[in-house]
Amino acid sequence: RMDFPIPSKFAVATLHMPHQFYPVIFLIQLTMMLTASTG
């Protein structure tokens, strides 16, 4: 039910993180994409 900005559904699943942390992961991935764009 969660579409991550960066293809990482299975990679995140290996961490066994609760779905409550998914918004945090989303913001982290947003930061990654903006950093890559700036770079």
All heavy atoms as atom14 arrays in JSON, in Angstrom:
{
  "sequence": "RMDFPIPSKFAVATLHMPHQFYPVIFLIQLTMMLTASTG",
  "atom14_mask": [
    [1, 1, 1, 1, 1, 1, 1, 1, 1, 1, 1, 0, 0, 0],
    [1, 1, 1, 1, 1, 1, 1, 1, 0, 0, 0, 0, 0, 0],
    [1, 1, 1, 1, 1, 1, 1, 1, 0, 0, 0, 0, 0, 0],
    [1, 1, 1, 1, 1, 1, 1, 1, 1, 1, 1, 0, 0, 0],
    [1, 1, 1, 1, 1, 1, 1, 0, 0, 0, 0, 0, 0, 0],
    [1, 1, 1, 1, 1, 1, 1, 1, 0, 0, 0, 0, 0, 0],
    [1, 1, 1, 1, 1, 1, 1, 0, 0, 0, 0, 0, 0, 0],
    [1, 1, 1, 1, 1, 1, 0, 0, 0, 0, 0, 0, 0, 0],
    [1, 1, 1, 1, 1, 1, 1, 1, 1, 0, 0, 0, 0, 0],
    [1, 1, 1, 1, 1, 1, 1, 1, 1, 1, 1, 0, 0, 0],
    [1, 1, 1, 1, 1, 0, 0, 0, 0, 0, 0, 0, 0, 0],
    [1, 1, 1, 1, 1, 1, 1, 0, 0, 0, 0, 0, 0, 0],
    [1, 1, 1, 1, 1, 0, 0, 0, 0, 0, 0, 0, 0, 0],
    [1, 1, 1, 1, 1, 1, 1, 0, 0, 0, 0, 0, 0, 0],
    [1, 1, 1, 1, 1, 1, 1, 1, 0, 0, 0, 0, 0, 0],
    [1, 1, 1, 1, 1, 1, 1, 1, 1, 1, 0, 0, 0, 0],
    [1, 1, 1, 1, 1, 1, 1, 1, 0, 0, 0, 0, 0, 0],
    [1, 1, 1, 1, 1, 1, 1, 0, 0, 0, 0, 0, 0, 0],
    [1, 1, 1, 1, 1, 1, 1, 1, 1, 1, 0, 0, 0, 0],
    [1, 1, 1, 1, 1, 1, 1, 1, 1, 0, 0, 0, 0, 0],
    [1, 1, 1, 1, 1, 1, 1, 1, 1, 1, 1, 0, 0, 0],
    [1, 1, 1, 1, 1, 1, 1, 1, 1, 1, 1, 1, 0, 0],
    [1, 1, 1, 1, 1, 1, 1, 0, 0, 0, 0, 0, 0, 0],
    [1, 1, 1, 1, 1, 1, 1, 0, 0, 0, 0, 0, 0, 0],
    [1, 1, 1, 1, 1, 1, 1, 1, 0, 0, 0, 0, 0, 0],
    [1, 1, 1, 1, 1, 1, 1, 1, 1, 1, 1, 0, 0, 0],
    [1, 1, 1, 1, 1, 1, 1, 1, 0, 0, 0, 0, 0, 0],
    [1, 1, 1, 1, 1, 1, 1, 1, 0, 0, 0, 0, 0, 0],
    [1, 1, 1, 1, 1, 1, 1, 1, 1, 0, 0, 0, 0, 0],
    [1, 1, 1, 1, 1, 1, 1, 1, 0, 0, 0, 0, 0, 0],
    [1, 1, 1, 1, 1, 1, 1, 0, 0, 0, 0, 0, 0, 0],
    [1, 1, 1, 1, 1, 1, 1, 1, 0, 0, 0, 0, 0, 0],
    [1, 1, 1, 1, 1, 1, 1, 1, 0, 0, 0, 0, 0, 0],
    [1, 1, 1, 1, 1, 1, 1, 1, 0, 0, 0, 0, 0, 0],
    [1, 1, 1, 1, 1, 1, 1, 0, 0, 0, 0, 0, 0, 0],
    [1, 1, 1, 1, 1, 0, 0, 0, 0, 0, 0, 0, 0, 0],
    [1, 1, 1, 1, 1, 1, 0, 0, 0, 0, 0, 0, 0, 0],
    [1, 1, 1, 1, 1, 1, 1, 0, 0, 0, 0, 0, 0, 0],
    [1, 1, 1, 1, 0, 0, 0, 0, 0, 0, 0, 0, 0, 0]
  ],
  "atom14_positions": [
    [[0.82, -1.2, 0.0], [0.0, 0.0, 0.0], [0.86, 1.27, 0.0], [0.34, 2.37, -0.04], [-0.91, -0.01, 1.24], [-1.8, -1.22, 1.31], [-2.6, -1.27, 2.6], [-3.58, -0.22, 2.65], [-4.42, -0.05, 3.69], [-4.36, -0.87, 4.72], [-5.29, 0.93, 3.68], [0.0, 0.0, 0.0], [0.0, 0.0, 0.0], [0.0, 0.0, 0.0]],
    [[2.16, 1.11, 0.04], [3.05, 2.26, 0.11], [3.95, 2.29, -1.12], [4.72, 1.36, -1.35], [3.92, 2.2, 1.37], [4.79, 3.43, 1.57], [3.8, 4.86, 1.94], [5.1, 6.11, 2.1], [0.0, 0.0, 0.0], [0.0, 0.0, 0.0], [0.0, 0.0, 0.0], [0.0, 0.0, 0.0], [0.0, 0.0, 0.0], [0.0, 0.0, 0.0]],
    [[3.83, 3.32, -1.93], [4.7, 3.49, -3.09], [5.83, 4.43, -2.69], [5.63, 5.63, -2.5], [3.93, 4.1, -4.27], [3.12, 3.06, -5.01], [3.59, 1.92, -5.12], [2.01, 3.39, -5.45], [0.0, 0.0, 0.0], [0.0, 0.0, 0.0], [0.0, 0.0, 0.0], [0.0, 0.0, 0.0], [0.0, 0.0, 0.0], [0.0, 0.0, 0.0]],
    [[7.02, 3.89, -2.57], [8.16, 4.71, -2.2], [8.64, 5.49, -3.42], [8.57, 5.01, -4.56], [9.29, 3.83, -1.66], [8.98, 3.21, -0.32], [8.72, 1.86, -0.21], [8.94, 4.0, 0.82], [8.44, 1.3, 1.02], [8.65, 3.44, 2.05], [8.4, 2.09, 2.16], [0.0, 0.0, 0.0], [0.0, 0.0, 0.0], [0.0, 0.0, 0.0]],
    [[9.16, 6.69, -3.21], [9.69, 7.48, -4.34], [10.82, 6.76, -5.06], [10.91, 6.78, -6.27], [10.19, 8.76, -3.66], [9.46, 8.82, -2.37], [9.23, 7.4, -1.94], [0.0, 0.0, 0.0], [0.0, 0.0, 0.0], [0.0, 0.0, 0.0], [0.0, 0.0, 0.0], [0.0, 0.0, 0.0], [0.0, 0.0, 0.0], [0.0, 0.0, 0.0]],
    [[11.7, 6.13, -4.28], [12.8, 5.35, -4.83], [12.4, 3.88, -4.79], [11.88, 3.41, -3.78], [14.08, 5.57, -4.0], [14.46, 7.05, -4.02], [15.23, 4.72, -4.51], [15.62, 7.4, -3.1], [0.0, 0.0, 0.0], [0.0, 0.0, 0.0], [0.0, 0.0, 0.0], [0.0, 0.0, 0.0], [0.0, 0.0, 0.0], [0.0, 0.0, 0.0]],
    [[12.61, 3.12, -5.88], [12.28, 1.69, -5.85], [13.0, 1.0, -4.7], [14.22, 0.79, -4.74], [12.79, 1.19, -7.21], [12.79, 2.39, -8.09], [13.12, 3.55, -7.19], [0.0, 0.0, 0.0], [0.0, 0.0, 0.0], [0.0, 0.0, 0.0], [0.0, 0.0, 0.0], [0.0, 0.0, 0.0], [0.0, 0.0, 0.0], [0.0, 0.0, 0.0]],
    [[12.26, 0.62, -3.66], [12.92, 0.08, -2.47], [11.97, -0.74, -1.6], [12.24, -0.93, -0.41], [13.5, 1.24, -1.62], [12.48, 2.17, -1.29], [0.0, 0.0, 0.0], [0.0, 0.0, 0.0], [0.0, 0.0, 0.0], [0.0, 0.0, 0.0], [0.0, 0.0, 0.0], [0.0, 0.0, 0.0], [0.0, 0.0, 0.0], [0.0, 0.0, 0.0]],
    [[10.86, -1.23, -2.15], [9.89, -1.94, -1.35], [10.5, -3.19, -0.71], [10.36, -3.41, 0.5], [8.69, -2.34, -2.2], [7.57, -2.99, -1.39], [6.35, -3.24, -2.24], [6.61, -4.3, -3.3], [5.37, -4.67, -4.02], [0.0, 0.0, 0.0], [0.0, 0.0, 0.0], [0.0, 0.0, 0.0], [0.0, 0.0, 0.0], [0.0, 0.0, 0.0]],
    [[11.21, -4.0, -1.49], [11.8, -5.22, -0.95], [13.01, -4.91, -0.08], [13.27, -5.6, 0.9], [12.19, -6.15, -2.1], [11.02, -6.78, -2.79], [10.41, -6.17, -3.87], [10.5, -8.0, -2.36], [9.33, -6.75, -4.51], [9.42, -8.59, -2.98], [8.82, -7.96, -4.07], [0.0, 0.0, 0.0], [0.0, 0.0, 0.0], [0.0, 0.0, 0.0]],
    [[13.75, -3.86, -0.45], [14.91, -3.48, 0.37], [14.47, -3.01, 1.75], [15.08, -3.36, 2.77], [15.71, -2.39, -0.33], [0.0, 0.0, 0.0], [0.0, 0.0, 0.0], [0.0, 0.0, 0.0], [0.0, 0.0, 0.0], [0.0, 0.0, 0.0], [0.0, 0.0, 0.0], [0.0, 0.0, 0.0], [0.0, 0.0, 0.0], [0.0, 0.0, 0.0]],
    [[13.38, -2.23, 1.81], [12.86, -1.77, 3.09], [12.27, -2.93, 3.88], [12.39, -2.99, 5.12], [11.8, -0.66, 2.88], [11.1, -0.3, 4.18], [12.45, 0.58, 2.28], [0.0, 0.0, 0.0], [0.0, 0.0, 0.0], [0.0, 0.0, 0.0], [0.0, 0.0, 0.0], [0.0, 0.0, 0.0], [0.0, 0.0, 0.0], [0.0, 0.0, 0.0]],
    [[11.65, -3.88, 3.18], [11.04, -5.03, 3.86], [12.08, -5.86, 4.6], [11.79, -6.47, 5.62], [10.28, -5.89, 2.87], [0.0, 0.0, 0.0], [0.0, 0.0, 0.0], [0.0, 0.0, 0.0], [0.0, 0.0, 0.0], [0.0, 0.0, 0.0], [0.0, 0.0, 0.0], [0.0, 0.0, 0.0], [0.0, 0.0, 0.0], [0.0, 0.0, 0.0]],
    [[13.32, -5.88, 4.07], [14.37, -6.66, 4.74], [14.76, -6.07, 6.08], [15.36, -6.75, 6.92], [15.62, -6.75, 3.84], [16.09, -5.42, 3.56], [15.3, -7.45, 2.53], [0.0, 0.0, 0.0], [0.0, 0.0, 0.0], [0.0, 0.0, 0.0], [0.0, 0.0, 0.0], [0.0, 0.0, 0.0], [0.0, 0.0, 0.0], [0.0, 0.0, 0.0]],
    [[14.42, -4.8, 6.3], [14.74, -4.15, 7.58], [13.69, -4.44, 8.65], [13.91, -4.14, 9.82], [14.85, -2.64, 7.38], [15.91, -2.15, 6.38], [15.84, -0.64, 6.23], [17.3, -2.6, 6.82], [0.0, 0.0, 0.0], [0.0, 0.0, 0.0], [0.0, 0.0, 0.0], [0.0, 0.0, 0.0], [0.0, 0.0, 0.0], [0.0, 0.0, 0.0]],
    [[12.53, -4.99, 8.23], [11.45, -5.33, 9.15], [11.02, -4.14, 10.0], [10.86, -4.23, 11.22], [11.86, -6.5, 10.06], [12.3, -7.72, 9.32], [11.42, -8.51, 8.6], [13.54, -8.27, 9.15], [12.1, -9.51, 8.05], [13.38, -9.38, 8.36], [0.0, 0.0, 0.0], [0.0, 0.0, 0.0], [0.0, 0.0, 0.0], [0.0, 0.0, 0.0]],
    [[10.84, -3.01, 9.35], [10.43, -1.79, 10.05], [8.91, -1.71, 10.1], [8.23, -2.07, 9.13], [11.0, -0.55, 9.35], [12.5, -0.49, 9.32], [13.11, 1.03, 8.57], [12.52, 2.23, 9.74], [0.0, 0.0, 0.0], [0.0, 0.0, 0.0], [0.0, 0.0, 0.0], [0.0, 0.0, 0.0], [0.0, 0.0, 0.0], [0.0, 0.0, 0.0]],
    [[8.34, -1.23, 11.21], [6.89, -1.03, 11.28], [6.43, -0.01, 10.25], [7.17, 0.92, 9.9], [6.67, -0.52, 12.71], [7.9, -0.91, 13.46], [9.02, -0.9, 12.47], [0.0, 0.0, 0.0], [0.0, 0.0, 0.0], [0.0, 0.0, 0.0], [0.0, 0.0, 0.0], [0.0, 0.0, 0.0], [0.0, 0.0, 0.0], [0.0, 0.0, 0.0]],
    [[5.19, -0.18, 9.79], [4.71, 0.72, 8.75], [4.54, 2.15, 9.26], [4.42, 3.08, 8.47], [3.39, 0.21, 8.18], [2.25, 0.26, 9.15], [2.02, -0.72, 10.08], [1.28, 1.21, 9.33], [0.95, -0.4, 10.8], [0.49, 0.76, 10.37], [0.0, 0.0, 0.0], [0.0, 0.0, 0.0], [0.0, 0.0, 0.0], [0.0, 0.0, 0.0]],
    [[4.56, 2.36, 10.58], [4.49, 3.72, 11.1], [5.72, 4.55, 10.74], [5.67, 5.79, 10.73], [4.34, 3.71, 12.63], [3.0, 3.2, 13.15], [2.98, 1.68, 13.26], [3.95, 1.02, 12.86], [1.91, 1.14, 13.81], [0.0, 0.0, 0.0], [0.0, 0.0, 0.0], [0.0, 0.0, 0.0], [0.0, 0.0, 0.0], [0.0, 0.0, 0.0]],
    [[6.82, 3.87, 10.42], [8.05, 4.58, 10.07], [8.12, 4.9, 8.57], [9.07, 5.54, 8.13], [9.27, 3.74, 10.46], [9.52, 3.7, 11.93], [9.02, 2.67, 12.71], [10.23, 4.71, 12.56], [9.25, 2.62, 14.07], [10.46, 4.68, 13.93], [9.96, 3.63, 14.69], [0.0, 0.0, 0.0], [0.0, 0.0, 0.0], [0.0, 0.0, 0.0]],
    [[7.13, 4.44, 7.81], [7.19, 4.66, 6.36], [7.18, 6.13, 5.97], [7.89, 6.53, 5.02], [6.05, 3.92, 5.68], [6.3, 2.43, 5.54], [7.38, 1.83, 6.17], [5.46, 1.63, 4.77], [7.62, 0.47, 6.06], [5.69, 0.27, 4.65], [6.77, -0.31, 5.29], [7.01, -1.65, 5.17], [0.0, 0.0, 0.0], [0.0, 0.0, 0.0]],
    [[6.4, 7.0, 6.63], [6.51, 8.44, 6.3], [7.91, 8.99, 6.51], [8.37, 9.85, 5.75], [5.48, 9.09, 7.23], [4.5, 8.02, 7.5], [5.28, 6.75, 7.56], [0.0, 0.0, 0.0], [0.0, 0.0, 0.0], [0.0, 0.0, 0.0], [0.0, 0.0, 0.0], [0.0, 0.0, 0.0], [0.0, 0.0, 0.0], [0.0, 0.0, 0.0]],
    [[8.61, 8.5, 7.53], [9.99, 8.94, 7.77], [10.89, 8.48, 6.63], [11.74, 9.24, 6.13], [10.51, 8.4, 9.11], [11.96, 8.79, 9.33], [9.63, 8.88, 10.25], [0.0, 0.0, 0.0], [0.0, 0.0, 0.0], [0.0, 0.0, 0.0], [0.0, 0.0, 0.0], [0.0, 0.0, 0.0], [0.0, 0.0, 0.0], [0.0, 0.0, 0.0]],
    [[10.69, 7.23, 6.19], [11.46, 6.72, 5.07], [11.18, 7.53, 3.81], [12.08, 7.85, 3.03], [11.14, 5.23, 4.83], [11.55, 4.4, 6.05], [11.84, 4.71, 3.58], [11.17, 2.95, 5.96], [0.0, 0.0, 0.0], [0.0, 0.0, 0.0], [0.0, 0.0, 0.0], [0.0, 0.0, 0.0], [0.0, 0.0, 0.0], [0.0, 0.0, 0.0]],
    [[9.92, 7.91, 3.65], [9.54, 8.72, 2.5], [10.29, 10.05, 2.51], [10.82, 10.49, 1.48], [8.03, 8.96, 2.52], [7.5, 9.68, 1.32], [7.05, 8.97, 0.22], [7.46, 11.06, 1.27], [6.56, 9.62, -0.9], [6.98, 11.73, 0.16], [6.52, 11.0, -0.92], [0.0, 0.0, 0.0], [0.0, 0.0, 0.0], [0.0, 0.0, 0.0]],
    [[10.37, 10.71, 3.65], [11.07, 11.99, 3.74], [12.57, 11.82, 3.53], [13.22, 12.68, 2.91], [10.81, 12.62, 5.12], [9.37, 13.08, 5.38], [9.23, 13.6, 6.81], [8.95, 14.16, 4.38], [0.0, 0.0, 0.0], [0.0, 0.0, 0.0], [0.0, 0.0, 0.0], [0.0, 0.0, 0.0], [0.0, 0.0, 0.0], [0.0, 0.0, 0.0]],
    [[13.11, 10.71, 4.02], [14.54, 10.45, 3.8], [14.82, 10.27, 2.31], [15.81, 10.79, 1.78], [14.99, 9.21, 4.6], [14.93, 9.5, 6.1], [16.4, 8.78, 4.19], [15.23, 8.29, 6.96], [0.0, 0.0, 0.0], [0.0, 0.0, 0.0], [0.0, 0.0, 0.0], [0.0, 0.0, 0.0], [0.0, 0.0, 0.0], [0.0, 0.0, 0.0]],
    [[13.95, 9.54, 1.64], [14.14, 9.34, 0.21], [13.96, 10.64, -0.57], [14.62, 10.86, -1.59], [13.19, 8.26, -0.29], [13.51, 6.87, 0.26], [12.72, 5.78, -0.42], [11.87, 6.05, -1.28], [12.98, 4.54, -0.05], [0.0, 0.0, 0.0], [0.0, 0.0, 0.0], [0.0, 0.0, 0.0], [0.0, 0.0, 0.0], [0.0, 0.0, 0.0]],
    [[13.04, 11.5, -0.1], [12.89, 12.82, -0.72], [14.19, 13.6, -0.61], [14.64, 14.23, -1.58], [11.75, 13.58, -0.06], [11.59, 15.06, -0.44], [11.3, 15.18, -1.93], [10.49, 15.72, 0.36], [0.0, 0.0, 0.0], [0.0, 0.0, 0.0], [0.0, 0.0, 0.0], [0.0, 0.0, 0.0], [0.0, 0.0, 0.0], [0.0, 0.0, 0.0]],
    [[14.81, 13.55, 0.57], [16.1, 14.23, 0.77], [17.17, 13.67, -0.15], [17.98, 14.41, -0.73], [16.55, 14.09, 2.23], [15.54, 14.62, 3.1], [17.85, 14.84, 2.47], [0.0, 0.0, 0.0], [0.0, 0.0, 0.0], [0.0, 0.0, 0.0], [0.0, 0.0, 0.0], [0.0, 0.0, 0.0], [0.0, 0.0, 0.0], [0.0, 0.0, 0.0]],
    [[17.17, 12.35, -0.32], [18.14, 11.72, -1.21], [17.97, 12.2, -2.65], [18.95, 12.54, -3.33], [18.0, 10.2, -1.15], [18.47, 9.57, 0.13], [18.25, 7.76, 0.08], [18.95, 7.29, 1.67], [0.0, 0.0, 0.0], [0.0, 0.0, 0.0], [0.0, 0.0, 0.0], [0.0, 0.0, 0.0], [0.0, 0.0, 0.0], [0.0, 0.0, 0.0]],
    [[16.73, 12.25, -3.11], [16.48, 12.65, -4.49], [16.85, 14.11, -4.72], [17.43, 14.46, -5.75], [15.01, 12.41, -4.85], [14.64, 10.94, -4.97], [13.03, 10.69, -5.74], [13.34, 11.25, -7.4], [0.0, 0.0, 0.0], [0.0, 0.0, 0.0], [0.0, 0.0, 0.0], [0.0, 0.0, 0.0], [0.0, 0.0, 0.0], [0.0, 0.0, 0.0]],
    [[16.52, 14.97, -3.78], [16.86, 16.39, -3.93], [18.38, 16.59, -3.87], [18.92, 17.45, -4.58], [16.17, 17.21, -2.85], [14.64, 17.28, -2.94], [14.07, 18.12, -1.81], [14.2, 17.85, -4.29], [0.0, 0.0, 0.0], [0.0, 0.0, 0.0], [0.0, 0.0, 0.0], [0.0, 0.0, 0.0], [0.0, 0.0, 0.0], [0.0, 0.0, 0.0]],
    [[19.05, 15.8, -3.04], [20.52, 15.89, -2.97], [21.15, 15.44, -4.28], [22.09, 16.06, -4.78], [21.05, 15.04, -1.81], [20.46, 15.48, -0.59], [22.56, 15.16, -1.7], [0.0, 0.0, 0.0], [0.0, 0.0, 0.0], [0.0, 0.0, 0.0], [0.0, 0.0, 0.0], [0.0, 0.0, 0.0], [0.0, 0.0, 0.0], [0.0, 0.0, 0.0]],
    [[20.62, 14.34, -4.84], [21.14, 13.86, -6.13], [20.88, 14.88, -7.23], [21.74, 15.12, -8.1], [20.51, 12.52, -6.49], [0.0, 0.0, 0.0], [0.0, 0.0, 0.0], [0.0, 0.0, 0.0], [0.0, 0.0, 0.0], [0.0, 0.0, 0.0], [0.0, 0.0, 0.0], [0.0, 0.0, 0.0], [0.0, 0.0, 0.0], [0.0, 0.0, 0.0]],
    [[19.71, 15.51, -7.21], [19.4, 16.54, -8.21], [20.33, 17.73, -8.06], [20.81, 18.28, -9.07], [17.94, 16.99, -8.06], [17.04, 15.94, -8.32], [0.0, 0.0, 0.0], [0.0, 0.0, 0.0], [0.0, 0.0, 0.0], [0.0, 0.0, 0.0], [0.0, 0.0, 0.0], [0.0, 0.0, 0.0], [0.0, 0.0, 0.0], [0.0, 0.0, 0.0]],
    [[20.6, 18.12, -6.82], [21.52, 19.24, -6.59], [22.93, 18.88, -7.03], [23.64, 19.7, -7.63], [21.53, 19.63, -5.1], [20.2, 19.93, -4.68], [22.4, 20.84, -4.87], [0.0, 0.0, 0.0], [0.0, 0.0, 0.0], [0.0, 0.0, 0.0], [0.0, 0.0, 0.0], [0.0, 0.0, 0.0], [0.0, 0.0, 0.0], [0.0, 0.0, 0.0]],
    [[23.35, 17.64, -6.76], [24.68, 17.21, -7.16], [24.87, 17.23, -8.66], [25.93, 17.61, -9.16], [0.0, 0.0, 0.0], [0.0, 0.0, 0.0], [0.0, 0.0, 0.0], [0.0, 0.0, 0.0], [0.0, 0.0, 0.0], [0.0, 0.0, 0.0], [0.0, 0.0, 0.0], [0.0, 0.0, 0.0], [0.0, 0.0, 0.0], [0.0, 0.0, 0.0]]
  ]
}
